[in-house]
């Protein structure tokens, strides 16, 4: 099983929970796909795009069922990142966990599978 991860700010996650689906964050909507990261990429993604932010939620999704809509495309330094070309559905989410902040850094221990 290949797992991919998505970071949402508190308001984005609440809206997702309420609606049961989302086109993603404002950045995702602008780009036309939902940005995901692999386990190896998610910590760097969070440090780059959410430095010091509180109230983040880490979502874990099994990439297998998304296969027809999930494209692996080059991004930072040519690394392949998973991009979802459809709404993310609440039933796609394997788990969602709050991402704690300690000394200004997000703590992933115990949050990733």
C-alpha atoms as a PDB file:
ATOM      1  CA  UNK A   1       0.000   0.000   0.000  1.00  0.00           C
ATOM      2  CA  UNK A   2       1.311   3.426  -0.957  1.00  0.00           C
ATOM      3  CA  UNK A   3       0.275   6.173   1.454  1.00  0.00           C
ATOM      4  CA  UNK A   4       0.193   9.867   0.583  1.00  0.00           C
ATOM      5  CA  UNK A   5      -0.262  12.813   2.934  1.00  0.00           C
ATOM      6  CA  UNK A   6      -2.095  16.131   2.829  1.00  0.00           C
ATOM      7  CA  UNK A   7      -1.780  19.056   5.250  1.00  0.00           C
ATOM      8  CA  UNK A   8      -4.825  21.211   5.954  1.00  0.00           C
ATOM      9  CA  UNK A   9      -5.171  24.334   8.036  1.00  0.00           C
ATOM     10  CA  UNK A  10      -7.904  24.165  10.702  1.00  0.00           C
ATOM     11  CA  UNK A  11     -10.565  25.979   8.689  1.00  0.00           C
ATOM     12  CA  UNK A  12      -9.846  23.950   5.560  1.00  0.00           C
ATOM     13  CA  UNK A  13     -10.151  20.699   7.480  1.00  0.00           C
ATOM     14  CA  UNK A  14     -13.400  21.738   9.198  1.00  0.00           C
ATOM     15  CA  UNK A  15     -14.922  22.686   5.839  1.00  0.00           C
ATOM     16  CA  UNK A  16     -13.791  19.333   4.404  1.00  0.00           C
ATOM     17  CA  UNK A  17     -15.347  17.424   7.290  1.00  0.00           C
ATOM     18  CA  UNK A  18     -18.620  19.339   6.971  1.00  0.00           C
ATOM     19  CA  UNK A  19     -18.924  18.929   3.196  1.00  0.00           C
ATOM     20  CA  UNK A  20     -17.475  15.429   2.904  1.00  0.00           C
ATOM     21  CA  UNK A  21     -15.418  16.516  -0.080  1.00  0.00           C
ATOM     22  CA  UNK A  22     -12.988  19.245  -1.056  1.00  0.00           C
ATOM     23  CA  UNK A  23     -11.133  20.630  -4.044  1.00  0.00           C
ATOM     24  CA  UNK A  24      -8.371  21.353  -1.507  1.00  0.00           C
ATOM     25  CA  UNK A  25      -6.724  24.456  -0.181  1.00  0.00           C
ATOM     26  CA  UNK A  26      -6.766  27.759  -2.074  1.00  0.00           C
ATOM     27  CA  UNK A  27      -3.386  26.749  -3.561  1.00  0.00           C
ATOM     28  CA  UNK A  28      -4.847  23.435  -4.742  1.00  0.00           C
ATOM     29  CA  UNK A  29      -7.839  25.174  -6.312  1.00  0.00           C
ATOM     30  CA  UNK A  30      -5.493  27.642  -8.058  1.00  0.00           C
ATOM     31  CA  UNK A  31      -3.308  24.820  -9.407  1.00  0.00           C
ATOM     32  CA  UNK A  32      -6.220  22.589 -10.459  1.00  0.00           C
ATOM     33  CA  UNK A  33      -5.308  19.569  -8.335  1.00  0.00           C
ATOM     34  CA  UNK A  34      -4.939  18.511  -4.697  1.00  0.00           C
ATOM     35  CA  UNK A  35      -1.283  18.528  -3.662  1.00  0.00           C
ATOM     36  CA  UNK A  36      -0.090  15.471  -1.733  1.00  0.00           C
ATOM     37  CA  UNK A  37       3.312  14.435  -0.420  1.00  0.00           C
ATOM     38  CA  UNK A  38       4.870  11.062   0.237  1.00  0.00           C
ATOM     39  CA  UNK A  39       6.100  10.075   3.693  1.00  0.00           C
ATOM     40  CA  UNK A  40       9.598  11.121   2.626  1.00  0.00           C
ATOM     41  CA  UNK A  41       8.391  14.521   1.371  1.00  0.00           C
ATOM     42  CA  UNK A  42       5.764  15.612   3.902  1.00  0.00           C
ATOM     43  CA  UNK A  43       8.078  17.005   6.580  1.00  0.00           C
ATOM     44  CA  UNK A  44       9.901  19.209   4.080  1.00  0.00           C
ATOM     45  CA  UNK A  45       6.594  20.265   2.515  1.00  0.00           C
ATOM     46  CA  UNK A  46       5.297  21.308   5.926  1.00  0.00           C
ATOM     47  CA  UNK A  47       8.485  23.194   6.798  1.00  0.00           C
ATOM     48  CA  UNK A  48       8.395  25.064   3.459  1.00  0.00           C
ATOM     49  CA  UNK A  49       4.705  25.916   3.264  1.00  0.00           C
ATOM     50  CA  UNK A  50       3.492  25.950   6.887  1.00  0.00           C
ATOM     51  CA  UNK A  51       6.456  27.084   9.021  1.00  0.00           C
ATOM     52  CA  UNK A  52       5.431  27.582  12.634  1.00  0.00           C
ATOM     53  CA  UNK A  53       1.691  27.323  11.906  1.00  0.00           C
ATOM     54  CA  UNK A  54      -0.513  25.897  14.636  1.00  0.00           C
ATOM     55  CA  UNK A  55      -3.734  23.994  14.088  1.00  0.00           C
ATOM     56  CA  UNK A  56      -2.602  21.848  11.184  1.00  0.00           C
ATOM     57  CA  UNK A  57      -4.164  18.469  10.420  1.00  0.00           C
ATOM     58  CA  UNK A  58      -2.250  15.707   8.667  1.00  0.00           C
ATOM     59  CA  UNK A  59      -4.382  13.473   6.454  1.00  0.00           C
ATOM     60  CA  UNK A  60      -3.246  10.042   5.325  1.00  0.00           C
ATOM     61  CA  UNK A  61      -4.732   8.550   2.157  1.00  0.00           C
ATOM     62  CA  UNK A  62      -4.173   5.188   0.473  1.00  0.00           C
ATOM     63  CA  UNK A  63      -3.049   6.062  -3.051  1.00  0.00           C
ATOM     64  CA  UNK A  64      -4.251   2.746  -4.541  1.00  0.00           C
ATOM     65  CA  UNK A  65      -7.961   3.574  -4.906  1.00  0.00           C
ATOM     66  CA  UNK A  66      -7.056   6.998  -6.348  1.00  0.00           C
ATOM     67  CA  UNK A  67      -4.976   5.500  -9.159  1.00  0.00           C
ATOM     68  CA  UNK A  68      -7.060   6.803 -12.072  1.00  0.00           C
ATOM     69  CA  UNK A  69      -7.045  10.363 -10.715  1.00  0.00           C
ATOM     70  CA  UNK A  70      -3.631  10.475  -9.025  1.00  0.00           C
ATOM     71  CA  UNK A  71      -0.735  11.617 -11.180  1.00  0.00           C
ATOM     72  CA  UNK A  72       2.920  11.564 -10.096  1.00  0.00           C
ATOM     73  CA  UNK A  73       4.453  14.742 -11.458  1.00  0.00           C
ATOM     74  CA  UNK A  74       7.841  16.448 -11.097  1.00  0.00           C
ATOM     75  CA  UNK A  75       8.035  19.346  -8.684  1.00  0.00           C
ATOM     76  CA  UNK A  76      10.797  20.455  -6.301  1.00  0.00           C
ATOM     77  CA  UNK A  77      14.189  19.436  -7.613  1.00  0.00           C
ATOM     78  CA  UNK A  78      12.515  17.091 -10.116  1.00  0.00           C
ATOM     79  CA  UNK A  79      11.073  14.853  -7.374  1.00  0.00           C
ATOM     80  CA  UNK A  80       7.762  13.206  -8.234  1.00  0.00           C
ATOM     81  CA  UNK A  81       4.841  14.419  -6.128  1.00  0.00           C
ATOM     82  CA  UNK A  82       1.342  12.917  -6.095  1.00  0.00           C
ATOM     83  CA  UNK A  83      -1.358  15.253  -7.444  1.00  0.00           C
ATOM     84  CA  UNK A  84      -5.054  14.355  -7.258  1.00  0.00           C
ATOM     85  CA  UNK A  85      -7.142  15.507 -10.228  1.00  0.00           C
ATOM     86  CA  UNK A  86     -10.544  15.206  -8.581  1.00  0.00           C
ATOM     87  CA  UNK A  87     -12.100  16.236  -5.287  1.00  0.00           C
ATOM     88  CA  UNK A  88     -10.743  14.552  -2.199  1.00  0.00           C
ATOM     89  CA  UNK A  89     -13.570  12.651  -0.499  1.00  0.00           C
ATOM     90  CA  UNK A  90     -13.872  12.077   3.226  1.00  0.00           C
ATOM     91  CA  UNK A  91     -14.039   8.320   2.556  1.00  0.00           C
ATOM     92  CA  UNK A  92     -10.618   8.539   0.859  1.00  0.00           C
ATOM     93  CA  UNK A  93      -9.012   9.467   4.192  1.00  0.00           C
ATOM     94  CA  UNK A  94      -7.435   6.613   6.123  1.00  0.00           C
ATOM     95  CA  UNK A  95      -6.816   8.843   9.147  1.00  0.00           C
ATOM     96  CA  UNK A  96      -6.493  12.481  10.158  1.00  0.00           C
ATOM     97  CA  UNK A  97      -4.277  13.602  13.036  1.00  0.00           C
ATOM     98  CA  UNK A  98      -3.462  16.935  14.567  1.00  0.00           C
ATOM     99  CA  UNK A  99       0.108  17.914  13.805  1.00  0.00           C
ATOM    100  CA  UNK A 100       1.698  19.176  17.014  1.00  0.00           C
ATOM    101  CA  UNK A 101       4.155  22.042  17.141  1.00  0.00           C
ATOM    102  CA  UNK A 102       7.125  21.979  19.520  1.00  0.00           C
ATOM    103  CA  UNK A 103       9.751  24.717  19.688  1.00  0.00           C
ATOM    104  CA  UNK A 104       8.479  26.093  16.386  1.00  0.00           C
ATOM    105  CA  UNK A 105       8.778  22.777  14.525  1.00  0.00           C
ATOM    106  CA  UNK A 106       6.074  20.316  13.570  1.00  0.00           C
ATOM    107  CA  UNK A 107       6.405  16.926  15.234  1.00  0.00           C
ATOM    108  CA  UNK A 108       5.653  13.972  12.983  1.00  0.00           C
ATOM    109  CA  UNK A 109       6.576  11.229  15.430  1.00  0.00           C
ATOM    110  CA  UNK A 110       3.498   9.091  15.977  1.00  0.00           C
ATOM    111  CA  UNK A 111       1.636  10.836  13.129  1.00  0.00           C
ATOM    112  CA  UNK A 112       2.930   8.891  10.120  1.00  0.00           C
ATOM    113  CA  UNK A 113       2.454   5.280   9.111  1.00  0.00           C
END
